[in-house]
Amino acid sequence: MFAAEIGTVFTIRFTDAQFDLVLSEATLMEHHNPLVHTRAPFSLLFVCPDHRILEQGNYAIDHERLGRIEIFIVAVAADADGVHYEAVFN
Protein backbone atom coordinates (compact mmCIF):
# COMPACT_ATOMS: atom_id res chain seq x y z
CA MET A 1 0.00 0.00 0.00
CA PHE A 2 2.73 2.50 0.94
CA ALA A 3 5.21 1.56 -1.80
CA ALA A 4 2.82 3.01 -4.37
CA GLU A 5 2.90 6.33 -2.46
CA ILE A 6 6.67 6.97 -2.56
CA GLY A 7 7.25 10.59 -3.49
CA THR A 8 3.85 11.76 -2.23
CA VAL A 9 3.12 14.12 0.66
CA PHE A 10 1.81 13.12 4.09
CA THR A 11 0.71 16.11 6.18
CA ILE A 12 0.69 16.67 9.93
CA ARG A 13 -1.49 19.62 10.92
CA PHE A 14 -1.42 21.57 14.15
CA THR A 15 -3.46 24.64 15.06
CA ASP A 16 -0.52 26.92 14.26
CA ALA A 17 1.70 24.83 11.98
CA GLN A 18 1.78 22.24 9.22
CA PHE A 19 4.50 19.72 8.43
CA ASP A 20 4.63 18.11 4.97
CA LEU A 21 6.51 14.81 4.99
CA VAL A 22 7.44 13.23 1.66
CA LEU A 23 7.58 9.44 1.71
CA SER A 24 11.06 8.54 0.45
CA GLU A 25 11.24 4.78 1.17
CA ALA A 26 8.98 1.86 2.01
CA THR A 27 11.06 -1.22 2.89
CA LEU A 28 10.09 -4.75 3.86
CA MET A 29 12.09 -5.93 6.85
CA GLU A 30 14.19 -9.05 6.34
CA HIS A 31 13.38 -10.77 9.61
CA HIS A 32 9.85 -11.93 8.89
CA ASN A 33 8.60 -15.00 10.71
CA PRO A 34 5.16 -16.01 9.36
CA LEU A 35 4.53 -17.95 12.58
CA VAL A 36 4.81 -14.71 14.57
CA HIS A 37 3.83 -11.96 12.13
CA THR A 38 0.45 -11.82 10.42
CA ARG A 39 2.04 -9.60 7.75
CA ALA A 40 5.59 -8.79 6.80
CA PRO A 41 7.07 -6.04 9.00
CA PHE A 42 8.12 -2.91 7.12
CA SER A 43 9.53 0.56 7.65
CA LEU A 44 8.73 3.93 6.12
CA LEU A 45 11.16 6.80 5.74
CA PHE A 46 9.93 10.36 5.29
CA VAL A 47 11.76 13.64 4.74
CA CYS A 48 10.34 16.97 5.88
CA PRO A 49 11.90 20.17 4.50
CA ASP A 50 10.90 22.01 7.69
CA HIS A 51 13.95 21.85 9.96
CA ARG A 52 11.93 22.04 13.18
CA ILE A 53 12.07 18.57 14.75
CA LEU A 54 8.87 16.87 15.83
CA GLU A 55 9.11 14.83 19.03
CA GLN A 56 8.79 11.10 18.55
CA GLY A 57 5.22 9.98 18.97
CA ASN A 58 1.89 9.18 17.35
CA TYR A 59 0.61 11.68 14.82
CA ALA A 60 -2.56 11.89 12.76
CA ILE A 61 -1.12 12.15 9.27
CA ASP A 62 -3.28 13.07 6.27
CA HIS A 63 -2.72 11.73 2.77
CA GLU A 64 -4.62 12.55 -0.40
CA ARG A 65 -5.44 8.92 -1.29
CA LEU A 66 -4.99 7.03 1.99
CA GLY A 67 -6.90 9.47 4.17
CA ARG A 68 -5.97 10.01 7.81
CA ILE A 69 -3.55 7.49 9.33
CA GLU A 70 -2.20 7.37 12.89
CA ILE A 71 1.55 6.72 12.67
CA PHE A 72 4.31 6.65 15.32
CA ILE A 73 7.31 8.49 13.85
CA VAL A 74 10.83 9.11 15.12
CA ALA A 75 13.33 11.69 13.85
CA VAL A 76 16.39 9.72 12.71
CA ALA A 77 18.52 12.28 10.86
CA ALA A 78 18.72 15.85 9.60
CA ASP A 79 20.57 17.24 6.61
CA ALA A 80 20.25 19.92 3.94
CA ASP A 81 17.07 18.24 2.65
CA GLY A 82 15.36 18.53 6.04
CA VAL A 83 14.50 16.21 8.91
CA HIS A 84 14.20 12.49 8.22
CA TYR A 85 11.58 10.46 10.11
CA GLU A 86 11.09 6.71 10.36
CA ALA A 87 8.01 4.64 11.14
CA VAL A 88 8.37 0.90 11.81
CA PHE A 89 5.45 -1.52 11.54
CA ASN A 90 6.11 -4.88 13.23
PDB file of N, CA and C in Angstrom:
ATOM      1  N   MET A   1       0.820  -1.191   0.000  1.00  0.00           N
ATOM      2  CA  MET A   1       0.000   0.000   0.000  1.00  0.00           C
ATOM      3  C   MET A   1       0.869   1.262   0.000  1.00  0.00           C
ATOM      4  N   PHE A   2       1.904   1.298   0.845  1.00  0.00           N
ATOM      5  CA  PHE A   2       2.735   2.495   0.940  1.00  0.00           C
ATOM      6  C   PHE A   2       3.743   2.612  -0.197  1.00  0.00           C
ATOM      7  N   ALA A   3       4.220   1.494  -0.728  1.00  0.00           N
ATOM      8  CA  ALA A   3       5.215   1.557  -1.801  1.00  0.00           C
ATOM      9  C   ALA A   3       4.697   2.357  -2.989  1.00  0.00           C
ATOM     10  N   ALA A   4       3.413   2.267  -3.253  1.00  0.00           N
ATOM     11  CA  ALA A   4       2.817   3.015  -4.366  1.00  0.00           C
ATOM     12  C   ALA A   4       2.763   4.515  -4.088  1.00  0.00           C
ATOM     13  N   GLU A   5       3.005   4.918  -2.848  1.00  0.00           N
ATOM     14  CA  GLU A   5       2.902   6.327  -2.459  1.00  0.00           C
ATOM     15  C   GLU A   5       4.251   7.016  -2.283  1.00  0.00           C
ATOM     16  N   ILE A   6       5.345   6.341  -2.655  1.00  0.00           N
ATOM     17  CA  ILE A   6       6.667   6.970  -2.556  1.00  0.00           C
ATOM     18  C   ILE A   6       6.682   8.236  -3.406  1.00  0.00           C
ATOM     19  N   GLY A   7       7.191   9.301  -2.814  1.00  0.00           N
ATOM     20  CA  GLY A   7       7.248  10.591  -3.494  1.00  0.00           C
ATOM     21  C   GLY A   7       6.039  11.475  -3.229  1.00  0.00           C
ATOM     22  N   THR A   8       5.033  10.959  -2.523  1.00  0.00           N
ATOM     23  CA  THR A   8       3.850  11.764  -2.231  1.00  0.00           C
ATOM     24  C   THR A   8       3.939  12.369  -0.834  1.00  0.00           C
ATOM     25  N   VAL A   9       3.074  13.341  -0.574  1.00  0.00           N
ATOM     26  CA  VAL A   9       3.118  14.120   0.660  1.00  0.00           C
ATOM     27  C   VAL A   9       2.125  13.587   1.686  1.00  0.00           C
ATOM     28  N   PHE A  10       2.604  13.460   2.920  1.00  0.00           N
ATOM     29  CA  PHE A  10       1.809  13.117   4.086  1.00  0.00           C
ATOM     30  C   PHE A  10       1.880  14.336   5.002  1.00  0.00           C
ATOM     31  N   THR A  11       0.745  14.839   5.465  1.00  0.00           N
ATOM     32  CA  THR A  11       0.711  16.115   6.177  1.00  0.00           C
ATOM     33  C   THR A  11       0.275  15.945   7.630  1.00  0.00           C
ATOM     34  N   ILE A  12       1.045  16.585   8.517  1.00  0.00           N
ATOM     35  CA  ILE A  12       0.686  16.674   9.931  1.00  0.00           C
ATOM     36  C   ILE A  12       0.260  18.109  10.163  1.00  0.00           C
ATOM     37  N   ARG A  13      -0.960  18.282  10.687  1.00  0.00           N
ATOM     38  CA  ARG A  13      -1.489  19.624  10.916  1.00  0.00           C
ATOM     39  C   ARG A  13      -1.660  19.891  12.414  1.00  0.00           C
ATOM     40  N   PHE A  14      -1.199  21.063  12.811  1.00  0.00           N
ATOM     41  CA  PHE A  14      -1.420  21.574  14.151  1.00  0.00           C
ATOM     42  C   PHE A  14      -2.228  22.866  14.009  1.00  0.00           C
ATOM     43  N   THR A  15      -2.692  23.401  15.112  1.00  0.00           N
ATOM     44  CA  THR A  15      -3.457  24.640  15.064  1.00  0.00           C
ATOM     45  C   THR A  15      -2.653  25.760  14.420  1.00  0.00           C
ATOM     46  N   ASP A  16      -1.355  25.811  14.726  1.00  0.00           N
ATOM     47  CA  ASP A  16      -0.521  26.916  14.263  1.00  0.00           C
ATOM     48  C   ASP A  16       0.608  26.514  13.313  1.00  0.00           C
ATOM     49  N   ALA A  17       0.613  25.271  12.857  1.00  0.00           N
ATOM     50  CA  ALA A  17       1.702  24.832  11.979  1.00  0.00           C
ATOM     51  C   ALA A  17       1.272  23.615  11.159  1.00  0.00           C
ATOM     52  N   GLN A  18       1.999  23.409  10.082  1.00  0.00           N
ATOM     53  CA  GLN A  18       1.782  22.236   9.223  1.00  0.00           C
ATOM     54  C   GLN A  18       3.143  21.697   8.813  1.00  0.00           C
ATOM     55  N   PHE A  19       3.275  20.378   8.847  1.00  0.00           N
ATOM     56  CA  PHE A  19       4.504  19.719   8.428  1.00  0.00           C
ATOM     57  C   PHE A  19       4.166  18.787   7.278  1.00  0.00           C
ATOM     58  N   ASP A  20       4.828  18.975   6.136  1.00  0.00           N
ATOM     59  CA  ASP A  20       4.634  18.114   4.975  1.00  0.00           C
ATOM     60  C   ASP A  20       5.806  17.147   4.885  1.00  0.00           C
ATOM     61  N   LEU A  21       5.495  15.864   5.048  1.00  0.00           N
ATOM     62  CA  LEU A  21       6.511  14.814   4.988  1.00  0.00           C
ATOM     63  C   LEU A  21       6.372  14.080   3.662  1.00  0.00           C
ATOM     64  N   VAL A  22       7.456  13.956   2.931  1.00  0.00           N
ATOM     65  CA  VAL A  22       7.445  13.229   1.663  1.00  0.00           C
ATOM     66  C   VAL A  22       7.952  11.815   1.938  1.00  0.00           C
ATOM     67  N   LEU A  23       7.166  10.828   1.531  1.00  0.00           N
ATOM     68  CA  LEU A  23       7.583   9.440   1.709  1.00  0.00           C
ATOM     69  C   LEU A  23       8.728   9.148   0.752  1.00  0.00           C
ATOM     70  N   SER A  24       9.892   8.790   1.296  1.00  0.00           N
ATOM     71  CA  SER A  24      11.061   8.539   0.453  1.00  0.00           C
ATOM     72  C   SER A  24      11.375   7.058   0.291  1.00  0.00           C
ATOM     73  N   GLU A  25      10.978   6.229   1.263  1.00  0.00           N
ATOM     74  CA  GLU A  25      11.243   4.783   1.168  1.00  0.00           C
ATOM     75  C   GLU A  25      10.162   4.004   1.889  1.00  0.00           C
ATOM     76  N   ALA A  26       9.846   2.845   1.354  1.00  0.00           N
ATOM     77  CA  ALA A  26       8.985   1.858   2.014  1.00  0.00           C
ATOM     78  C   ALA A  26       9.707   0.528   1.846  1.00  0.00           C
ATOM     79  N   THR A  27      10.176  -0.056   2.949  1.00  0.00           N
ATOM     80  CA  THR A  27      11.058  -1.216   2.894  1.00  0.00           C
ATOM     81  C   THR A  27      10.527  -2.374   3.725  1.00  0.00           C
ATOM     82  N   LEU A  28      10.428  -3.544   3.104  1.00  0.00           N
ATOM     83  CA  LEU A  28      10.089  -4.747   3.864  1.00  0.00           C
ATOM     84  C   LEU A  28      11.280  -5.123   4.729  1.00  0.00           C
ATOM     85  N   MET A  29      11.016  -5.537   5.952  1.00  0.00           N
ATOM     86  CA  MET A  29      12.093  -5.933   6.851  1.00  0.00           C
ATOM     87  C   MET A  29      12.438  -7.403   6.598  1.00  0.00           C
ATOM     88  N   GLU A  30      13.707  -7.721   6.675  1.00  0.00           N
ATOM     89  CA  GLU A  30      14.195  -9.055   6.337  1.00  0.00           C
ATOM     90  C   GLU A  30      13.786 -10.124   7.329  1.00  0.00           C
ATOM     91  N   HIS A  31      13.625  -9.766   8.575  1.00  0.00           N
ATOM     92  CA  HIS A  31      13.376 -10.769   9.614  1.00  0.00           C
ATOM     93  C   HIS A  31      11.884 -10.990   9.798  1.00  0.00           C
ATOM     94  N   HIS A  32      11.290 -11.667   8.862  1.00  0.00           N
ATOM     95  CA  HIS A  32       9.850 -11.931   8.892  1.00  0.00           C
ATOM     96  C   HIS A  32       9.619 -13.397   9.221  1.00  0.00           C
ATOM     97  N   ASN A  33       8.936 -13.644  10.312  1.00  0.00           N
ATOM     98  CA  ASN A  33       8.596 -15.000  10.712  1.00  0.00           C
ATOM     99  C   ASN A  33       7.083 -15.150  10.581  1.00  0.00           C
ATOM    100  N   PRO A  34       6.601 -15.890   9.562  1.00  0.00           N
ATOM    101  CA  PRO A  34       5.158 -16.013   9.362  1.00  0.00           C
ATOM    102  C   PRO A  34       4.432 -16.681  10.530  1.00  0.00           C
ATOM    103  N   LEU A  35       5.166 -17.361  11.405  1.00  0.00           N
ATOM    104  CA  LEU A  35       4.533 -17.953  12.582  1.00  0.00           C
ATOM    105  C   LEU A  35       4.239 -16.897  13.649  1.00  0.00           C
ATOM    106  N   VAL A  36       4.964 -15.779  13.584  1.00  0.00           N
ATOM    107  CA  VAL A  36       4.811 -14.712  14.568  1.00  0.00           C
ATOM    108  C   VAL A  36       4.057 -13.510  13.984  1.00  0.00           C
ATOM    109  N   HIS A  37       4.393 -13.158  12.761  1.00  0.00           N
ATOM    110  CA  HIS A  37       3.828 -11.960  12.133  1.00  0.00           C
ATOM    111  C   HIS A  37       2.673 -12.321  11.202  1.00  0.00           C
ATOM    112  N   THR A  38       1.573 -11.594  11.331  1.00  0.00           N
ATOM    113  CA  THR A  38       0.445 -11.821  10.418  1.00  0.00           C
ATOM    114  C   THR A  38       0.683 -11.164   9.068  1.00  0.00           C
ATOM    115  N   ARG A  39       1.611 -10.217   9.006  1.00  0.00           N
ATOM    116  CA  ARG A  39       2.035  -9.601   7.753  1.00  0.00           C
ATOM    117  C   ARG A  39       3.523  -9.295   7.876  1.00  0.00           C
ATOM    118  N   ALA A  40       4.158  -9.093   6.775  1.00  0.00           N
ATOM    119  CA  ALA A  40       5.587  -8.793   6.797  1.00  0.00           C
ATOM    120  C   ALA A  40       5.824  -7.420   7.430  1.00  0.00           C
ATOM    121  N   PRO A  41       6.725  -7.333   8.414  1.00  0.00           N
ATOM    122  CA  PRO A  41       7.066  -6.037   8.997  1.00  0.00           C
ATOM    123  C   PRO A  41       7.725  -5.142   7.940  1.00  0.00           C
ATOM    124  N   PHE A  42       7.538  -3.832   8.088  1.00  0.00           N
ATOM    125  CA  PHE A  42       8.125  -2.906   7.121  1.00  0.00           C
ATOM    126  C   PHE A  42       8.421  -1.580   7.806  1.00  0.00           C
ATOM    127  N   SER A  43       9.228  -0.768   7.132  1.00  0.00           N
ATOM    128  CA  SER A  43       9.527   0.564   7.647  1.00  0.00           C
ATOM    129  C   SER A  43       9.260   1.595   6.560  1.00  0.00           C
ATOM    130  N   LEU A  44       8.941   2.796   7.017  1.00  0.00           N
ATOM    131  CA  LEU A  44       8.727   3.927   6.120  1.00  0.00           C
ATOM    132  C   LEU A  44       9.708   5.018   6.501  1.00  0.00           C
ATOM    133  N   LEU A  45      10.294   5.653   5.507  1.00  0.00           N
ATOM    134  CA  LEU A  45      11.159   6.804   5.737  1.00  0.00           C
ATOM    135  C   LEU A  45      10.542   8.014   5.047  1.00  0.00           C
ATOM    136  N   PHE A  46      10.480   9.108   5.795  1.00  0.00           N
ATOM    137  CA  PHE A  46       9.934  10.363   5.293  1.00  0.00           C
ATOM    138  C   PHE A  46      11.009  11.434   5.412  1.00  0.00           C
ATOM    139  N   VAL A  47      10.918  12.462   4.573  1.00  0.00           N
ATOM    140  CA  VAL A  47      11.762  13.639   4.739  1.00  0.00           C
ATOM    141  C   VAL A  47      10.843  14.857   4.764  1.00  0.00           C
ATOM    142  N   CYS A  48      11.128  15.755   5.712  1.00  0.00           N
ATOM    143  CA  CYS A  48      10.344  16.971   5.881  1.00  0.00           C
ATOM    144  C   CYS A  48      11.277  18.163   5.695  1.00  0.00           C
ATOM    145  N   PRO A  49      11.002  19.036   4.728  1.00  0.00           N
ATOM    146  CA  PRO A  49      11.902  20.175   4.497  1.00  0.00           C
ATOM    147  C   PRO A  49      11.919  21.187   5.637  1.00  0.00           C
ATOM    148  N   ASP A  50      10.934  21.144   6.518  1.00  0.00           N
ATOM    149  CA  ASP A  50      10.901  22.012   7.691  1.00  0.00           C
ATOM    150  C   ASP A  50      11.926  21.481   8.696  1.00  0.00           C
ATOM    151  N   HIS A  51      12.865  22.303   9.087  1.00  0.00           N
ATOM    152  CA  HIS A  51      13.946  21.851   9.962  1.00  0.00           C
ATOM    153  C   HIS A  51      13.590  21.815  11.447  1.00  0.00           C
ATOM    154  N   ARG A  52      12.364  22.217  11.793  1.00  0.00           N
ATOM    155  CA  ARG A  52      11.929  22.038  13.183  1.00  0.00           C
ATOM    156  C   ARG A  52      11.705  20.546  13.398  1.00  0.00           C
ATOM    157  N   ILE A  53      12.154  20.017  14.511  1.00  0.00           N
ATOM    158  CA  ILE A  53      12.075  18.571  14.750  1.00  0.00           C
ATOM    159  C   ILE A  53      10.848  18.253  15.594  1.00  0.00           C
ATOM    160  N   LEU A  54      10.017  17.359  15.075  1.00  0.00           N
ATOM    161  CA  LEU A  54       8.869  16.865  15.828  1.00  0.00           C
ATOM    162  C   LEU A  54       9.351  15.839  16.847  1.00  0.00           C
ATOM    163  N   GLU A  55       8.783  15.855  18.040  1.00  0.00           N
ATOM    164  CA  GLU A  55       9.105  14.829  19.025  1.00  0.00           C
ATOM    165  C   GLU A  55       8.604  13.480  18.536  1.00  0.00           C
ATOM    166  N   GLN A  56       9.294  12.414  18.927  1.00  0.00           N
ATOM    167  CA  GLN A  56       8.795  11.098  18.553  1.00  0.00           C
ATOM    168  C   GLN A  56       7.432  10.885  19.185  1.00  0.00           C
ATOM    169  N   GLY A  57       6.554  10.228  18.438  1.00  0.00           N
ATOM    170  CA  GLY A  57       5.220   9.984  18.965  1.00  0.00           C
ATOM    171  C   GLY A  57       4.227   9.670  17.868  1.00  0.00           C
ATOM    172  N   ASN A  58       2.986   9.453  18.289  1.00  0.00           N
ATOM    173  CA  ASN A  58       1.892   9.181  17.352  1.00  0.00           C
ATOM    174  C   ASN A  58       1.358  10.490  16.796  1.00  0.00           C
ATOM    175  N   TYR A  59       1.158  10.509  15.488  1.00  0.00           N
ATOM    176  CA  TYR A  59       0.609  11.685  14.820  1.00  0.00           C
ATOM    177  C   TYR A  59      -0.489  11.252  13.863  1.00  0.00           C
ATOM    178  N   ALA A  60      -1.535  12.072  13.788  1.00  0.00           N
ATOM    179  CA  ALA A  60      -2.558  11.892  12.761  1.00  0.00           C
ATOM    180  C   ALA A  60      -1.994  12.527  11.499  1.00  0.00           C
ATOM    181  N   ILE A  61      -1.768  11.698  10.499  1.00  0.00           N
ATOM    182  CA  ILE A  61      -1.124  12.147   9.266  1.00  0.00           C
ATOM    183  C   ILE A  61      -2.119  11.985   8.123  1.00  0.00           C
ATOM    184  N   ASP A  62      -2.328  13.072   7.385  1.00  0.00           N
ATOM    185  CA  ASP A  62      -3.283  13.066   6.271  1.00  0.00           C
ATOM    186  C   ASP A  62      -2.580  12.835   4.946  1.00  0.00           C
ATOM    187  N   HIS A  63      -3.225  12.025   4.106  1.00  0.00           N
ATOM    188  CA  HIS A  63      -2.718  11.731   2.772  1.00  0.00           C
ATOM    189  C   HIS A  63      -3.869  11.814   1.783  1.00  0.00           C
ATOM    190  N   GLU A  64      -3.591  12.336   0.613  1.00  0.00           N
ATOM    191  CA  GLU A  64      -4.624  12.554  -0.402  1.00  0.00           C
ATOM    192  C   GLU A  64      -5.418  11.293  -0.732  1.00  0.00           C
ATOM    193  N   ARG A  65      -4.747  10.161  -0.914  1.00  0.00           N
ATOM    194  CA  ARG A  65      -5.437   8.919  -1.293  1.00  0.00           C
ATOM    195  C   ARG A  65      -5.719   7.989  -0.114  1.00  0.00           C
ATOM    196  N   LEU A  66      -4.838   7.970   0.879  1.00  0.00           N
ATOM    197  CA  LEU A  66      -4.985   7.029   1.988  1.00  0.00           C
ATOM    198  C   LEU A  66      -5.833   7.577   3.131  1.00  0.00           C
ATOM    199  N   GLY A  67      -6.122   8.865   3.105  1.00  0.00           N
ATOM    200  CA  GLY A  67      -6.905   9.467   4.175  1.00  0.00           C
ATOM    201  C   GLY A  67      -6.054   9.751   5.397  1.00  0.00           C
ATOM    202  N   ARG A  68      -6.677   9.755   6.553  1.00  0.00           N
ATOM    203  CA  ARG A  68      -5.966  10.015   7.813  1.00  0.00           C
ATOM    204  C   ARG A  68      -5.476   8.706   8.407  1.00  0.00           C
ATOM    205  N   ILE A  69      -4.190   8.674   8.762  1.00  0.00           N
ATOM    206  CA  ILE A  69      -3.547   7.487   9.326  1.00  0.00           C
ATOM    207  C   ILE A  69      -2.827   7.916  10.594  1.00  0.00           C
ATOM    208  N   GLU A  70      -2.944   7.129  11.646  1.00  0.00           N
ATOM    209  CA  GLU A  70      -2.203   7.374  12.888  1.00  0.00           C
ATOM    210  C   GLU A  70      -0.888   6.610  12.785  1.00  0.00           C
ATOM    211  N   ILE A  71       0.235   7.343  12.833  1.00  0.00           N
ATOM    212  CA  ILE A  71       1.555   6.716  12.671  1.00  0.00           C
ATOM    213  C   ILE A  71       2.492   7.225  13.762  1.00  0.00           C
ATOM    214  N   PHE A  72       3.265   6.307  14.352  1.00  0.00           N
ATOM    215  CA  PHE A  72       4.309   6.654  15.320  1.00  0.00           C
ATOM    216  C   PHE A  72       5.582   6.917  14.522  1.00  0.00           C
ATOM    217  N   ILE A  73       6.101   8.145  14.586  1.00  0.00           N
ATOM    218  CA  ILE A  73       7.315   8.495  13.855  1.00  0.00           C
ATOM    219  C   ILE A  73       8.412   8.927  14.817  1.00  0.00           C
ATOM    220  N   VAL A  74       9.644   8.742  14.352  1.00  0.00           N
ATOM    221  CA  VAL A  74      10.834   9.110  15.121  1.00  0.00           C
ATOM    222  C   VAL A  74      11.781   9.846  14.187  1.00  0.00           C
ATOM    223  N   ALA A  75      12.304  10.983  14.622  1.00  0.00           N
ATOM    224  CA  ALA A  75      13.329  11.691  13.847  1.00  0.00           C
ATOM    225  C   ALA A  75      14.610  10.873  13.909  1.00  0.00           C
ATOM    226  N   VAL A  76      15.188  10.560  12.744  1.00  0.00           N
ATOM    227  CA  VAL A  76      16.388   9.715  12.712  1.00  0.00           C
ATOM    228  C   VAL A  76      17.603  10.424  12.122  1.00  0.00           C
ATOM    229  N   ALA A  77      17.395  11.554  11.461  1.00  0.00           N
ATOM    230  CA  ALA A  77      18.517  12.279  10.864  1.00  0.00           C
ATOM    231  C   ALA A  77      18.039  13.660  10.434  1.00  0.00           C
ATOM    232  N   ALA A  78      19.005  14.531  10.167  1.00  0.00           N
ATOM    233  CA  ALA A  78      18.721  15.845   9.597  1.00  0.00           C
ATOM    234  C   ALA A  78      19.876  16.207   8.683  1.00  0.00           C
ATOM    235  N   ASP A  79      19.548  16.807   7.553  1.00  0.00           N
ATOM    236  CA  ASP A  79      20.574  17.238   6.613  1.00  0.00           C
ATOM    237  C   ASP A  79      20.029  18.428   5.825  1.00  0.00           C
ATOM    238  N   ALA A  80      20.678  18.776   4.743  1.00  0.00           N
ATOM    239  CA  ALA A  80      20.251  19.921   3.943  1.00  0.00           C
ATOM    240  C   ALA A  80      18.849  19.747   3.366  1.00  0.00           C
ATOM    241  N   ASP A  81      18.414  18.505   3.191  1.00  0.00           N
ATOM    242  CA  ASP A  81      17.074  18.239   2.651  1.00  0.00           C
ATOM    243  C   ASP A  81      15.983  18.432   3.695  1.00  0.00           C
ATOM    244  N   GLY A  82      16.335  18.368   4.973  1.00  0.00           N
ATOM    245  CA  GLY A  82      15.363  18.525   6.041  1.00  0.00           C
ATOM    246  C   GLY A  82      15.548  17.459   7.105  1.00  0.00           C
ATOM    247  N   VAL A  83      14.485  17.215   7.844  1.00  0.00           N
ATOM    248  CA  VAL A  83      14.496  16.210   8.914  1.00  0.00           C
ATOM    249  C   VAL A  83      13.933  14.912   8.373  1.00  0.00           C
ATOM    250  N   HIS A  84      14.617  13.809   8.667  1.00  0.00           N
ATOM    251  CA  HIS A  84      14.196  12.489   8.216  1.00  0.00           C
ATOM    252  C   HIS A  84      13.514  11.767   9.375  1.00  0.00           C
ATOM    253  N   TYR A  85      12.364  11.174   9.097  1.00  0.00           N
ATOM    254  CA  TYR A  85      11.583  10.459  10.108  1.00  0.00           C
ATOM    255  C   TYR A  85      11.390   9.013   9.665  1.00  0.00           C
ATOM    256  N   GLU A  86      11.323   8.123  10.651  1.00  0.00           N
ATOM    257  CA  GLU A  86      11.089   6.708  10.359  1.00  0.00           C
ATOM    258  C   GLU A  86       9.873   6.217  11.148  1.00  0.00           C
ATOM    259  N   ALA A  87       9.118   5.348  10.503  1.00  0.00           N
ATOM    260  CA  ALA A  87       8.012   4.637  11.144  1.00  0.00           C
ATOM    261  C   ALA A  87       8.239   3.153  10.887  1.00  0.00           C
ATOM    262  N   VAL A  88       8.157   2.339  11.936  1.00  0.00           N
ATOM    263  CA  VAL A  88       8.371   0.897  11.810  1.00  0.00           C
ATOM    264  C   VAL A  88       7.070   0.184  12.183  1.00  0.00           C
ATOM    265  N   PHE A  89       6.661  -0.735  11.323  1.00  0.00           N
ATOM    266  CA  PHE A  89       5.448  -1.519  11.542  1.00  0.00           C
ATOM    267  C   PHE A  89       5.864  -2.972  11.718  1.00  0.00           C
ATOM    268  N   ASN A  90       5.726  -3.494  12.940  1.00  0.00           N
ATOM    269  CA  ASN A  90       6.108  -4.876  13.232  1.00  0.00           C
ATOM    270  C   ASN A  90       4.935  -5.816  13.055  1.00  0.00           C
TER     271      ASN A  90
END
